[in-house]
Amino acid sequence: MLNTANYLVYLAFSVFITVYVSRSLSKNGLPFLVKAFGGDRELAGSINHLLVVGFYLVNLGFVLLRMNTEVQIDSLEQLIVYQASGLGLVLLALGLAHFFNIYVIHRIGKTAAASLPPPLPKASP
């Protein structure tokens, strides 16, 4: 019975954390993407959506692969330890995915900025 509760708690927390982090990154990252893509809000929105989908696929796939049916939970202490290690790995995977996305967006922004013409000199009053 504790094994079933363990898996349900693990899935609930993992999905909640993944959705919360994804929404936060999507909302707060959109202005960064708009700037990286030279003000093109439509392109930035599309890229933002693709990043969210990829984020869900990678992180929820990791969560599901992390579930281990060989572990027998016999006490509340084992349940807590299993949850802590499992959720710790999920958080680590989320953090790594976030930093990877930031790196990619940074590279895209640098490439886009390099292709822009040089700024015009300021006119003297």
PDB file of N, CA and C in Angstrom:
ATOM      1  N   MET A   1       0.816  -1.199   0.000  1.00  0.00           N
ATOM      2  CA  MET A   1       0.000   0.000   0.000  1.00  0.00           C
ATOM      3  C   MET A   1       0.860   1.264   0.000  1.00  0.00           C
ATOM      4  N   LEU A   2       1.968   1.244   0.744  1.00  0.00           N
ATOM      5  CA  LEU A   2       2.839   2.417   0.766  1.00  0.00           C
ATOM      6  C   LEU A   2       3.503   2.651  -0.586  1.00  0.00           C
ATOM      7  N   ASN A   3       3.770   1.591  -1.332  1.00  0.00           N
ATOM      8  CA  ASN A   3       4.372   1.773  -2.653  1.00  0.00           C
ATOM      9  C   ASN A   3       3.435   2.553  -3.573  1.00  0.00           C
ATOM     10  N   THR A   4       2.170   2.204  -3.555  1.00  0.00           N
ATOM     11  CA  THR A   4       1.205   2.903  -4.399  1.00  0.00           C
ATOM     12  C   THR A   4       1.116   4.372  -3.987  1.00  0.00           C
ATOM     13  N   ALA A   5       1.018   4.636  -2.698  1.00  0.00           N
ATOM     14  CA  ALA A   5       0.981   6.019  -2.216  1.00  0.00           C
ATOM     15  C   ALA A   5       2.255   6.755  -2.603  1.00  0.00           C
ATOM     16  N   ASN A   6       3.375   6.087  -2.502  1.00  0.00           N
ATOM     17  CA  ASN A   6       4.665   6.679  -2.859  1.00  0.00           C
ATOM     18  C   ASN A   6       4.667   7.129  -4.320  1.00  0.00           C
ATOM     19  N   TYR A   7       4.234   6.269  -5.215  1.00  0.00           N
ATOM     20  CA  TYR A   7       4.239   6.615  -6.639  1.00  0.00           C
ATOM     21  C   TYR A   7       3.250   7.728  -6.947  1.00  0.00           C
ATOM     22  N   LEU A   8       2.100   7.708  -6.310  1.00  0.00           N
ATOM     23  CA  LEU A   8       1.116   8.757  -6.540  1.00  0.00           C
ATOM     24  C   LEU A   8       1.618  10.113  -6.037  1.00  0.00           C
ATOM     25  N   VAL A   9       2.228  10.128  -4.875  1.00  0.00           N
ATOM     26  CA  VAL A   9       2.784  11.374  -4.328  1.00  0.00           C
ATOM     27  C   VAL A   9       3.921  11.872  -5.221  1.00  0.00           C
ATOM     28  N   TYR A  10       4.798  10.980  -5.620  1.00  0.00           N
ATOM     29  CA  TYR A  10       5.930  11.334  -6.487  1.00  0.00           C
ATOM     30  C   TYR A  10       5.434  11.931  -7.798  1.00  0.00           C
ATOM     31  N   LEU A  11       4.461  11.282  -8.428  1.00  0.00           N
ATOM     32  CA  LEU A  11       3.928  11.796  -9.695  1.00  0.00           C
ATOM     33  C   LEU A  11       3.245  13.141  -9.504  1.00  0.00           C
ATOM     34  N   ALA A  12       2.445  13.266  -8.461  1.00  0.00           N
ATOM     35  CA  ALA A  12       1.733  14.525  -8.220  1.00  0.00           C
ATOM     36  C   ALA A  12       2.711  15.681  -8.013  1.00  0.00           C
ATOM     37  N   PHE A  13       3.691  15.490  -7.138  1.00  0.00           N
ATOM     38  CA  PHE A  13       4.675  16.553  -6.890  1.00  0.00           C
ATOM     39  C   PHE A  13       5.502  16.849  -8.139  1.00  0.00           C
ATOM     40  N   SER A  14       5.917  15.829  -8.832  1.00  0.00           N
ATOM     41  CA  SER A  14       6.755  16.025 -10.009  1.00  0.00           C
ATOM     42  C   SER A  14       6.013  16.767 -11.111  1.00  0.00           C
ATOM     43  N   VAL A  15       4.783  16.388 -11.360  1.00  0.00           N
ATOM     44  CA  VAL A  15       3.994  17.070 -12.390  1.00  0.00           C
ATOM     45  C   VAL A  15       3.719  18.509 -11.965  1.00  0.00           C
ATOM     46  N   PHE A  16       3.348  18.708 -10.704  1.00  0.00           N
ATOM     47  CA  PHE A  16       3.095  20.068 -10.212  1.00  0.00           C
ATOM     48  C   PHE A  16       4.334  20.946 -10.377  1.00  0.00           C
ATOM     49  N   ILE A  17       5.475  20.460  -9.950  1.00  0.00           N
ATOM     50  CA  ILE A  17       6.713  21.238 -10.044  1.00  0.00           C
ATOM     51  C   ILE A  17       7.048  21.536 -11.506  1.00  0.00           C
ATOM     52  N   THR A  18       6.910  20.536 -12.372  1.00  0.00           N
ATOM     53  CA  THR A  18       7.212  20.730 -13.791  1.00  0.00           C
ATOM     54  C   THR A  18       6.295  21.788 -14.407  1.00  0.00           C
ATOM     55  N   VAL A  19       5.006  21.716 -14.132  1.00  0.00           N
ATOM     56  CA  VAL A  19       4.051  22.682 -14.686  1.00  0.00           C
ATOM     57  C   VAL A  19       4.326  24.083 -14.126  1.00  0.00           C
ATOM     58  N   TYR A  20       4.560  24.181 -12.816  1.00  0.00           N
ATOM     59  CA  TYR A  20       4.823  25.477 -12.199  1.00  0.00           C
ATOM     60  C   TYR A  20       6.079  26.126 -12.789  1.00  0.00           C
ATOM     61  N   VAL A  21       7.155  25.355 -12.863  1.00  0.00           N
ATOM     62  CA  VAL A  21       8.409  25.902 -13.392  1.00  0.00           C
ATOM     63  C   VAL A  21       8.247  26.279 -14.867  1.00  0.00           C
ATOM     64  N   SER A  22       7.582  25.445 -15.634  1.00  0.00           N
ATOM     65  CA  SER A  22       7.380  25.723 -17.048  1.00  0.00           C
ATOM     66  C   SER A  22       6.600  27.018 -17.253  1.00  0.00           C
ATOM     67  N   ARG A  23       5.527  27.191 -16.508  1.00  0.00           N
ATOM     68  CA  ARG A  23       4.727  28.418 -16.638  1.00  0.00           C
ATOM     69  C   ARG A  23       5.537  29.645 -16.242  1.00  0.00           C
ATOM     70  N   SER A  24       6.297  29.517 -15.180  1.00  0.00           N
ATOM     71  CA  SER A  24       7.114  30.639 -14.723  1.00  0.00           C
ATOM     72  C   SER A  24       8.171  31.007 -15.768  1.00  0.00           C
ATOM     73  N   LEU A  25       8.856  29.999 -16.292  1.00  0.00           N
ATOM     74  CA  LEU A  25       9.881  30.259 -17.304  1.00  0.00           C
ATOM     75  C   LEU A  25       9.273  30.832 -18.574  1.00  0.00           C
ATOM     76  N   SER A  26       8.127  30.308 -18.972  1.00  0.00           N
ATOM     77  CA  SER A  26       7.472  30.775 -20.189  1.00  0.00           C
ATOM     78  C   SER A  26       7.055  32.241 -20.047  1.00  0.00           C
ATOM     79  N   LYS A  27       6.412  32.561 -18.946  1.00  0.00           N
ATOM     80  CA  LYS A  27       5.927  33.927 -18.712  1.00  0.00           C
ATOM     81  C   LYS A  27       7.079  34.914 -18.604  1.00  0.00           C
ATOM     82  N   ASN A  28       8.067  34.579 -17.798  1.00  0.00           N
ATOM     83  CA  ASN A  28       9.166  35.513 -17.550  1.00  0.00           C
ATOM     84  C   ASN A  28      10.230  35.491 -18.643  1.00  0.00           C
ATOM     85  N   GLY A  29      10.250  34.446 -19.449  1.00  0.00           N
ATOM     86  CA  GLY A  29      11.232  34.358 -20.519  1.00  0.00           C
ATOM     87  C   GLY A  29      10.786  34.992 -21.826  1.00  0.00           C
ATOM     88  N   LEU A  30       9.482  35.239 -21.974  1.00  0.00           N
ATOM     89  CA  LEU A  30       8.985  35.794 -23.234  1.00  0.00           C
ATOM     90  C   LEU A  30       9.612  37.145 -23.584  1.00  0.00           C
ATOM     91  N   PRO A  31       9.705  38.098 -22.651  1.00  0.00           N
ATOM     92  CA  PRO A  31      10.363  39.364 -23.008  1.00  0.00           C
ATOM     93  C   PRO A  31      11.815  39.165 -23.456  1.00  0.00           C
ATOM     94  N   PHE A  32      12.504  38.243 -22.840  1.00  0.00           N
ATOM     95  CA  PHE A  32      13.880  37.929 -23.213  1.00  0.00           C
ATOM     96  C   PHE A  32      13.929  37.402 -24.653  1.00  0.00           C
ATOM     97  N   LEU A  33      12.976  36.530 -24.999  1.00  0.00           N
ATOM     98  CA  LEU A  33      12.913  35.995 -26.362  1.00  0.00           C
ATOM     99  C   LEU A  33      12.561  37.079 -27.372  1.00  0.00           C
ATOM    100  N   VAL A  34      11.622  37.945 -27.014  1.00  0.00           N
ATOM    101  CA  VAL A  34      11.251  39.046 -27.919  1.00  0.00           C
ATOM    102  C   VAL A  34      12.481  39.884 -28.234  1.00  0.00           C
ATOM    103  N   LYS A  35      13.256  40.195 -27.208  1.00  0.00           N
ATOM    104  CA  LYS A  35      14.478  40.980 -27.430  1.00  0.00           C
ATOM    105  C   LYS A  35      15.487  40.198 -28.271  1.00  0.00           C
ATOM    106  N   ALA A  36      15.635  38.901 -27.982  1.00  0.00           N
ATOM    107  CA  ALA A  36      16.599  38.073 -28.723  1.00  0.00           C
ATOM    108  C   ALA A  36      16.226  37.970 -30.194  1.00  0.00           C
ATOM    109  N   PHE A  37      14.946  38.064 -30.502  1.00  0.00           N
ATOM    110  CA  PHE A  37      14.492  37.952 -31.884  1.00  0.00           C
ATOM    111  C   PHE A  37      14.132  39.308 -32.483  1.00  0.00           C
ATOM    112  N   GLY A  38      14.799  40.329 -32.016  1.00  0.00           N
ATOM    113  CA  GLY A  38      14.678  41.657 -32.621  1.00  0.00           C
ATOM    114  C   GLY A  38      13.287  42.244 -32.556  1.00  0.00           C
ATOM    115  N   GLY A  39      12.525  41.947 -31.520  1.00  0.00           N
ATOM    116  CA  GLY A  39      11.196  42.526 -31.357  1.00  0.00           C
ATOM    117  C   GLY A  39      10.088  41.765 -32.061  1.00  0.00           C
ATOM    118  N   ASP A  40      10.402  40.671 -32.710  1.00  0.00           N
ATOM    119  CA  ASP A  40       9.388  39.872 -33.415  1.00  0.00           C
ATOM    120  C   ASP A  40       8.608  39.037 -32.395  1.00  0.00           C
ATOM    121  N   ARG A  41       7.471  39.585 -31.942  1.00  0.00           N
ATOM    122  CA  ARG A  41       6.676  38.944 -30.888  1.00  0.00           C
ATOM    123  C   ARG A  41       6.081  37.608 -31.354  1.00  0.00           C
ATOM    124  N   GLU A  42       5.691  37.529 -32.611  1.00  0.00           N
ATOM    125  CA  GLU A  42       5.097  36.281 -33.111  1.00  0.00           C
ATOM    126  C   GLU A  42       6.127  35.149 -33.114  1.00  0.00           C
ATOM    127  N   LEU A  43       7.309  35.428 -33.618  1.00  0.00           N
ATOM    128  CA  LEU A  43       8.372  34.426 -33.618  1.00  0.00           C
ATOM    129  C   LEU A  43       8.763  34.049 -32.196  1.00  0.00           C
ATOM    130  N   ALA A  44       8.904  35.046 -31.329  1.00  0.00           N
ATOM    131  CA  ALA A  44       9.263  34.789 -29.933  1.00  0.00           C
ATOM    132  C   ALA A  44       8.200  33.932 -29.251  1.00  0.00           C
ATOM    133  N   GLY A  45       6.923  34.210 -29.512  1.00  0.00           N
ATOM    134  CA  GLY A  45       5.844  33.418 -28.941  1.00  0.00           C
ATOM    135  C   GLY A  45       5.878  31.977 -29.416  1.00  0.00           C
ATOM    136  N   SER A  46       6.156  31.789 -30.705  1.00  0.00           N
ATOM    137  CA  SER A  46       6.249  30.430 -31.255  1.00  0.00           C
ATOM    138  C   SER A  46       7.428  29.667 -30.644  1.00  0.00           C
ATOM    139  N   ILE A  47       8.562  30.307 -30.559  1.00  0.00           N
ATOM    140  CA  ILE A  47       9.733  29.671 -29.956  1.00  0.00           C
ATOM    141  C   ILE A  47       9.461  29.360 -28.488  1.00  0.00           C
ATOM    142  N   ASN A  48       8.819  30.283 -27.791  1.00  0.00           N
ATOM    143  CA  ASN A  48       8.478  30.082 -26.386  1.00  0.00           C
ATOM    144  C   ASN A  48       7.594  28.841 -26.232  1.00  0.00           C
ATOM    145  N   HIS A  49       6.605  28.698 -27.099  1.00  0.00           N
ATOM    146  CA  HIS A  49       5.718  27.531 -27.037  1.00  0.00           C
ATOM    147  C   HIS A  49       6.495  26.240 -27.308  1.00  0.00           C
ATOM    148  N   LEU A  50       7.372  26.263 -28.295  1.00  0.00           N
ATOM    149  CA  LEU A  50       8.181  25.075 -28.601  1.00  0.00           C
ATOM    150  C   LEU A  50       9.089  24.711 -27.429  1.00  0.00           C
ATOM    151  N   LEU A  51       9.651  25.710 -26.765  1.00  0.00           N
ATOM    152  CA  LEU A  51      10.480  25.451 -25.589  1.00  0.00           C
ATOM    153  C   LEU A  51       9.659  24.817 -24.466  1.00  0.00           C
ATOM    154  N   VAL A  52       8.431  25.288 -24.282  1.00  0.00           N
ATOM    155  CA  VAL A  52       7.561  24.725 -23.239  1.00  0.00           C
ATOM    156  C   VAL A  52       7.247  23.257 -23.551  1.00  0.00           C
ATOM    157  N   VAL A  53       6.907  22.963 -24.796  1.00  0.00           N
ATOM    158  CA  VAL A  53       6.594  21.576 -25.179  1.00  0.00           C
ATOM    159  C   VAL A  53       7.815  20.685 -24.961  1.00  0.00           C
ATOM    160  N   GLY A  54       8.969  21.132 -25.412  1.00  0.00           N
ATOM    161  CA  GLY A  54      10.192  20.358 -25.211  1.00  0.00           C
ATOM    162  C   GLY A  54      10.504  20.172 -23.742  1.00  0.00           C
ATOM    163  N   PHE A  55      10.294  21.219 -22.960  1.00  0.00           N
ATOM    164  CA  PHE A  55      10.526  21.174 -21.520  1.00  0.00           C
ATOM    165  C   PHE A  55       9.654  20.099 -20.882  1.00  0.00           C
ATOM    166  N   TYR A  56       8.365  20.087 -21.237  1.00  0.00           N
ATOM    167  CA  TYR A  56       7.454  19.066 -20.711  1.00  0.00           C
ATOM    168  C   TYR A  56       7.896  17.665 -21.121  1.00  0.00           C
ATOM    169  N   LEU A  57       8.218  17.487 -22.375  1.00  0.00           N
ATOM    170  CA  LEU A  57       8.598  16.160 -22.852  1.00  0.00           C
ATOM    171  C   LEU A  57       9.828  15.624 -22.135  1.00  0.00           C
ATOM    172  N   VAL A  58      10.849  16.443 -22.041  1.00  0.00           N
ATOM    173  CA  VAL A  58      12.086  15.999 -21.403  1.00  0.00           C
ATOM    174  C   VAL A  58      11.877  15.740 -19.912  1.00  0.00           C
ATOM    175  N   ASN A  59      11.258  16.672 -19.225  1.00  0.00           N
ATOM    176  CA  ASN A  59      11.138  16.550 -17.776  1.00  0.00           C
ATOM    177  C   ASN A  59      10.134  15.488 -17.350  1.00  0.00           C
ATOM    178  N   LEU A  60       8.994  15.416 -18.011  1.00  0.00           N
ATOM    179  CA  LEU A  60       8.035  14.374 -17.644  1.00  0.00           C
ATOM    180  C   LEU A  60       8.550  12.997 -18.055  1.00  0.00           C
ATOM    181  N   GLY A  61       9.285  12.928 -19.146  1.00  0.00           N
ATOM    182  CA  GLY A  61       9.928  11.661 -19.511  1.00  0.00           C
ATOM    183  C   GLY A  61      10.919  11.227 -18.448  1.00  0.00           C
ATOM    184  N   PHE A  62      11.687  12.173 -17.956  1.00  0.00           N
ATOM    185  CA  PHE A  62      12.645  11.873 -16.884  1.00  0.00           C
ATOM    186  C   PHE A  62      11.924  11.409 -15.625  1.00  0.00           C
ATOM    187  N   VAL A  63      10.842  12.088 -15.276  1.00  0.00           N
ATOM    188  CA  VAL A  63      10.057  11.721 -14.089  1.00  0.00           C
ATOM    189  C   VAL A  63       9.563  10.287 -14.208  1.00  0.00           C
ATOM    190  N   LEU A  64       9.028   9.939 -15.365  1.00  0.00           N
ATOM    191  CA  LEU A  64       8.496   8.587 -15.545  1.00  0.00           C
ATOM    192  C   LEU A  64       9.596   7.534 -15.538  1.00  0.00           C
ATOM    193  N   LEU A  65      10.720   7.852 -16.159  1.00  0.00           N
ATOM    194  CA  LEU A  65      11.833   6.901 -16.146  1.00  0.00           C
ATOM    195  C   LEU A  65      12.406   6.722 -14.739  1.00  0.00           C
ATOM    196  N   ARG A  66      12.306   7.759 -13.934  1.00  0.00           N
ATOM    197  CA  ARG A  66      12.854   7.721 -12.571  1.00  0.00           C
ATOM    198  C   ARG A  66      12.051   6.806 -11.646  1.00  0.00           C
ATOM    199  N   MET A  67      10.799   6.565 -12.000  1.00  0.00           N
ATOM    200  CA  MET A  67       9.975   5.688 -11.153  1.00  0.00           C
ATOM    201  C   MET A  67      10.578   4.290 -11.176  1.00  0.00           C
ATOM    202  N   ASN A  68      10.811   3.750 -10.000  1.00  0.00           N
ATOM    203  CA  ASN A  68      11.484   2.468  -9.884  1.00  0.00           C
ATOM    204  C   ASN A  68      10.559   1.488  -9.162  1.00  0.00           C
ATOM    205  N   THR A  69      10.118   0.471  -9.879  1.00  0.00           N
ATOM    206  CA  THR A  69       9.187  -0.483  -9.271  1.00  0.00           C
ATOM    207  C   THR A  69       9.904  -1.526  -8.422  1.00  0.00           C
ATOM    208  N   GLU A  70      11.230  -1.507  -8.418  1.00  0.00           N
ATOM    209  CA  GLU A  70      11.976  -2.472  -7.612  1.00  0.00           C
ATOM    210  C   GLU A  70      12.114  -2.044  -6.151  1.00  0.00           C
ATOM    211  N   VAL A  71      11.788  -0.808  -5.859  1.00  0.00           N
ATOM    212  CA  VAL A  71      11.912  -0.291  -4.503  1.00  0.00           C
ATOM    213  C   VAL A  71      10.675  -0.692  -3.703  1.00  0.00           C
ATOM    214  N   GLN A  72      10.900  -1.309  -2.564  1.00  0.00           N
ATOM    215  CA  GLN A  72       9.800  -1.681  -1.670  1.00  0.00           C
ATOM    216  C   GLN A  72       9.782  -0.698  -0.509  1.00  0.00           C
ATOM    217  N   ILE A  73       8.704   0.031  -0.367  1.00  0.00           N
ATOM    218  CA  ILE A  73       8.552   1.001   0.713  1.00  0.00           C
ATOM    219  C   ILE A  73       7.793   0.331   1.852  1.00  0.00           C
ATOM    220  N   ASP A  74       8.444   0.236   3.017  1.00  0.00           N
ATOM    221  CA  ASP A  74       7.843  -0.434   4.172  1.00  0.00           C
ATOM    222  C   ASP A  74       7.571   0.499   5.341  1.00  0.00           C
ATOM    223  N   SER A  75       8.065   1.736   5.275  1.00  0.00           N
ATOM    224  CA  SER A  75       7.855   2.651   6.401  1.00  0.00           C
ATOM    225  C   SER A  75       7.739   4.075   5.882  1.00  0.00           C
ATOM    226  N   LEU A  76       7.231   4.942   6.732  1.00  0.00           N
ATOM    227  CA  LEU A  76       7.108   6.350   6.385  1.00  0.00           C
ATOM    228  C   LEU A  76       8.494   6.957   6.137  1.00  0.00           C
ATOM    229  N   GLU A  77       9.481   6.540   6.900  1.00  0.00           N
ATOM    230  CA  GLU A  77      10.838   7.043   6.733  1.00  0.00           C
ATOM    231  C   GLU A  77      11.376   6.702   5.333  1.00  0.00           C
ATOM    232  N   GLN A  78      11.171   5.487   4.874  1.00  0.00           N
ATOM    233  CA  GLN A  78      11.607   5.098   3.526  1.00  0.00           C
ATOM    234  C   GLN A  78      10.862   5.906   2.470  1.00  0.00           C
ATOM    235  N   LEU A  79       9.586   6.155   2.699  1.00  0.00           N
ATOM    236  CA  LEU A  79       8.797   6.942   1.760  1.00  0.00           C
ATOM    237  C   LEU A  79       9.364   8.350   1.638  1.00  0.00           C
ATOM    238  N   ILE A  80       9.691   8.958   2.773  1.00  0.00           N
ATOM    239  CA  ILE A  80      10.237  10.325   2.767  1.00  0.00           C
ATOM    240  C   ILE A  80      11.593  10.365   2.061  1.00  0.00           C
ATOM    241  N   VAL A  81      12.445   9.397   2.356  1.00  0.00           N
ATOM    242  CA  VAL A  81      13.770   9.353   1.724  1.00  0.00           C
ATOM    243  C   VAL A  81      13.633   9.160   0.211  1.00  0.00           C
ATOM    244  N   TYR A  82      12.759   8.263  -0.206  1.00  0.00           N
ATOM    245  CA  TYR A  82      12.558   8.020  -1.638  1.00  0.00           C
ATOM    246  C   TYR A  82      12.022   9.272  -2.314  1.00  0.00           C
ATOM    247  N   GLN A  83      11.051   9.932  -1.656  1.00  0.00           N
ATOM    248  CA  GLN A  83      10.482  11.155  -2.227  1.00  0.00           C
ATOM    249  C   GLN A  83      11.539  12.248  -2.353  1.00  0.00           C
ATOM    250  N   ALA A  84      12.330  12.419  -1.319  1.00  0.00           N
ATOM    251  CA  ALA A  84      13.351  13.468  -1.337  1.00  0.00           C
ATOM    252  C   ALA A  84      14.368  13.232  -2.446  1.00  0.00           C
ATOM    253  N   SER A  85      14.819  12.003  -2.592  1.00  0.00           N
ATOM    254  CA  SER A  85      15.810  11.730  -3.638  1.00  0.00           C
ATOM    255  C   SER A  85      15.179  11.842  -5.025  1.00  0.00           C
ATOM    256  N   GLY A  86      13.969  11.372  -5.158  1.00  0.00           N
ATOM    257  CA  GLY A  86      13.296  11.452  -6.464  1.00  0.00           C
ATOM    258  C   GLY A  86      13.006  12.879  -6.867  1.00  0.00           C
ATOM    259  N   LEU A  87      12.447  13.654  -5.951  1.00  0.00           N
ATOM    260  CA  LEU A  87      12.131  15.039  -6.266  1.00  0.00           C
ATOM    261  C   LEU A  87      13.402  15.872  -6.421  1.00  0.00           C
ATOM    262  N   GLY A  88      14.443  15.519  -5.684  1.00  0.00           N
ATOM    263  CA  GLY A  88      15.721  16.209  -5.857  1.00  0.00           C
ATOM    264  C   GLY A  88      16.260  16.028  -7.265  1.00  0.00           C
ATOM    265  N   LEU A  89      16.163  14.828  -7.787  1.00  0.00           N
ATOM    266  CA  LEU A  89      16.605  14.580  -9.161  1.00  0.00           C
ATOM    267  C   LEU A  89      15.729  15.318 -10.171  1.00  0.00           C
ATOM    268  N   VAL A  90      14.434  15.360  -9.914  1.00  0.00           N
ATOM    269  CA  VAL A  90      13.536  16.106 -10.812  1.00  0.00           C
ATOM    270  C   VAL A  90      13.914  17.578 -10.817  1.00  0.00           C
ATOM    271  N   LEU A  91      14.155  18.154  -9.639  1.00  0.00           N
ATOM    272  CA  LEU A  91      14.536  19.564  -9.558  1.00  0.00           C
ATOM    273  C   LEU A  91      15.878  19.815 -10.254  1.00  0.00           C
ATOM    274  N   LEU A  92      16.797  18.907 -10.096  1.00  0.00           N
ATOM    275  CA  LEU A  92      18.081  19.033 -10.776  1.00  0.00           C
ATOM    276  C   LEU A  92      17.901  18.997 -12.297  1.00  0.00           C
ATOM    277  N   ALA A  93      17.081  18.083 -12.774  1.00  0.00           N
ATOM    278  CA  ALA A  93      16.814  17.997 -14.214  1.00  0.00           C
ATOM    279  C   ALA A  93      16.135  19.270 -14.715  1.00  0.00           C
ATOM    280  N   LEU A  94      15.190  19.814 -13.944  1.00  0.00           N
ATOM    281  CA  LEU A  94      14.525  21.062 -14.325  1.00  0.00           C
ATOM    282  C   LEU A  94      15.533  22.208 -14.401  1.00  0.00           C
ATOM    283  N   GLY A  95      16.405  22.287 -13.412  1.00  0.00           N
ATOM    284  CA  GLY A  95      17.418  23.338 -13.408  1.00  0.00           C
ATOM    285  C   GLY A  95      18.367  23.235 -14.592  1.00  0.00           C
ATOM    286  N   LEU A  96      18.810  22.031 -14.884  1.00  0.00           N
ATOM    287  CA  LEU A  96      19.704  21.835 -16.028  1.00  0.00           C
ATOM    288  C   LEU A  96      19.011  22.176 -17.345  1.00  0.00           C
ATOM    289  N   ALA A  97      17.758  21.772 -17.478  1.00  0.00           N
ATOM    290  CA  ALA A  97      17.003  22.105 -18.689  1.00  0.00           C
ATOM    291  C   ALA A  97      16.844  23.621 -18.815  1.00  0.00           C
ATOM    292  N   HIS A  98      16.610  24.294 -17.712  1.00  0.00           N
ATOM    293  CA  HIS A  98      16.463  25.747 -17.717  1.00  0.00           C
ATOM    294  C   HIS A  98      17.756  26.424 -18.181  1.00  0.00           C
ATOM    295  N   PHE A  99      18.869  26.031 -17.600  1.00  0.00           N
ATOM    296  CA  PHE A  99      20.135  26.652 -17.982  1.00  0.00           C
ATOM    297  C   PHE A  99      20.507  26.337 -19.434  1.00  0.00           C
ATOM    298  N   PHE A 100      20.172  25.152 -19.900  1.00  0.00           N
ATOM    299  CA  PHE A 100      20.410  24.825 -21.311  1.00  0.00           C
ATOM    300  C   PHE A 100      19.583  25.744 -22.208  1.00  0.00           C
ATOM    301  N   ASN A 101      18.311  25.932 -21.871  1.00  0.00           N
ATOM    302  CA  ASN A 101      17.453  26.817 -22.667  1.00  0.00           C
ATOM    303  C   ASN A 101      17.988  28.245 -22.670  1.00  0.00           C
ATOM    304  N   ILE A 102      18.407  28.727 -21.517  1.00  0.00           N
ATOM    305  CA  ILE A 102      18.953  30.090 -21.432  1.00  0.00           C
ATOM    306  C   ILE A 102      20.197  30.211 -22.313  1.00  0.00           C
ATOM    307  N   TYR A 103      21.054  29.201 -22.275  1.00  0.00           N
ATOM    308  CA  TYR A 103      22.255  29.225 -23.102  1.00  0.00           C
ATOM    309  C   TYR A 103      21.903  29.288 -24.588  1.00  0.00           C
ATOM    310  N   VAL A 104      20.958  28.462 -25.008  1.00  0.00           N
ATOM    311  CA  VAL A 104      20.553  28.437 -26.419  1.00  0.00           C
ATOM    312  C   VAL A 104      19.957  29.784 -26.824  1.00  0.00           C
ATOM    313  N   ILE A 105      19.097  30.337 -25.990  1.00  0.00           N
ATOM    314  CA  ILE A 105      18.472  31.625 -26.307  1.00  0.00           C
ATOM    315  C   ILE A 105      19.530  32.721 -26.351  1.00  0.00           C
ATOM    316  N   HIS A 106      20.477  32.671 -25.443  1.00  0.00           N
ATOM    317  CA  HIS A 106      21.573  33.646 -25.447  1.00  0.00           C
ATOM    318  C   HIS A 106      22.349  33.574 -26.762  1.00  0.00           C
ATOM    319  N   ARG A 107      22.646  32.355 -27.197  1.00  0.00           N
ATOM    320  CA  ARG A 107      23.379  32.173 -28.462  1.00  0.00           C
ATOM    321  C   ARG A 107      22.566  32.698 -29.644  1.00  0.00           C
ATOM    322  N   ILE A 108      21.269  32.434 -29.631  1.00  0.00           N
ATOM    323  CA  ILE A 108      20.409  32.923 -30.711  1.00  0.00           C
ATOM    324  C   ILE A 108      20.408  34.447 -30.707  1.00  0.00           C
ATOM    325  N   GLY A 109      20.302  35.046 -29.514  1.00  0.00           N
ATOM    326  CA  GLY A 109      20.303  36.502 -29.408  1.00  0.00           C
ATOM    327  C   GLY A 109      21.600  37.116 -29.897  1.00  0.00           C
ATOM    328  N   LYS A 110      22.731  36.480 -29.575  1.00  0.00           N
ATOM    329  CA  LYS A 110      24.030  36.994 -30.037  1.00  0.00           C
ATOM    330  C   LYS A 110      24.119  36.901 -31.553  1.00  0.00           C
ATOM    331  N   THR A 111      23.646  35.800 -32.116  1.00  0.00           N
ATOM    332  CA  THR A 111      23.684  35.622 -33.564  1.00  0.00           C
ATOM    333  C   THR A 111      22.804  36.656 -34.247  1.00  0.00           C
ATOM    334  N   ALA A 112      21.613  36.881 -33.681  1.00  0.00           N
ATOM    335  CA  ALA A 112      20.700  37.868 -34.251  1.00  0.00           C
ATOM    336  C   ALA A 112      21.297  39.269 -34.153  1.00  0.00           C
ATOM    337  N   ALA A 113      21.918  39.590 -33.022  1.00  0.00           N
ATOM    338  CA  ALA A 113      22.514  40.915 -32.843  1.00  0.00           C
ATOM    339  C   ALA A 113      23.680  41.123 -33.799  1.00  0.00           C
ATOM    340  N   ALA A 114      24.433  40.073 -34.073  1.00  0.00           N
ATOM    341  CA  ALA A 114      25.582  40.189 -34.974  1.00  0.00           C
ATOM    342  C   ALA A 114      25.144  40.449 -36.410  1.00  0.00           C
ATOM    343  N   SER A 115      23.942  40.021 -36.753  1.00  0.00           N
ATOM    344  CA  SER A 115      23.483  40.203 -38.126  1.00  0.00           C
ATOM    345  C   SER A 115      22.792  41.542 -38.349  1.00  0.00           C
ATOM    346  N   LEU A 116      22.578  42.310 -37.285  1.00  0.00           N
ATOM    347  CA  LEU A 116      21.954  43.625 -37.414  1.00  0.00           C
ATOM    348  C   LEU A 116      22.973  44.631 -37.935  1.00  0.00           C
ATOM    349  N   PRO A 117      22.495  45.624 -38.678  1.00  0.00           N
ATOM    350  CA  PRO A 117      23.422  46.662 -39.124  1.00  0.00           C
ATOM    351  C   PRO A 117      23.874  47.490 -37.933  1.00  0.00           C
ATOM    352  N   PRO A 118      25.028  48.146 -38.042  1.00  0.00           N
ATOM    353  CA  PRO A 118      25.517  48.962 -36.919  1.00  0.00           C
ATOM    354  C   PRO A 118      24.558  50.119 -36.648  1.00  0.00           C
ATOM    355  N   PRO A 119      24.477  50.576 -35.409  1.00  0.00           N
ATOM    356  CA  PRO A 119      23.569  51.686 -35.102  1.00  0.00           C
ATOM    357  C   PRO A 119      24.026  52.971 -35.776  1.00  0.00           C
ATOM    358  N   LEU A 120      23.070  53.826 -36.070  1.00  0.00           N
ATOM    359  CA  LEU A 120      23.372  55.114 -36.674  1.00  0.00           C
ATOM    360  C   LEU A 120      23.948  56.040 -35.621  1.00  0.00           C
ATOM    361  N   PRO A 121      24.882  56.906 -35.984  1.00  0.00           N
ATOM    362  CA  PRO A 121      25.426  57.838 -35.000  1.00  0.00           C
ATOM    363  C   PRO A 121      24.335  58.826 -34.583  1.00  0.00           C
ATOM    364  N   LYS A 122      24.434  59.268 -33.323  1.00  0.00           N
ATOM    365  CA  LYS A 122      23.459  60.218 -32.806  1.00  0.00           C
ATOM    366  C   LYS A 122      23.703  61.579 -33.445  1.00  0.00           C
ATOM    367  N   ALA A 123      22.599  62.229 -33.774  1.00  0.00           N
ATOM    368  CA  ALA A 123      22.692  63.573 -34.373  1.00  0.00           C
ATOM    369  C   ALA A 123      23.026  64.583 -33.289  1.00  0.00           C
ATOM    370  N   SER A 124      23.869  65.533 -33.628  1.00  0.00           N
ATOM    371  CA  SER A 124      24.228  66.606 -32.681  1.00  0.00           C
ATOM    372  C   SER A 124      23.110  67.628 -32.654  1.00  0.00           C
ATOM    373  N   PRO A 125      22.800  68.157 -31.474  1.00  0.00           N
ATOM    374  CA  PRO A 125      21.728  69.205 -31.419  1.00  0.00           C
ATOM    375  C   PRO A 125      22.185  70.528 -31.911  1.00  0.00           C
TER     376      PRO A 125
END
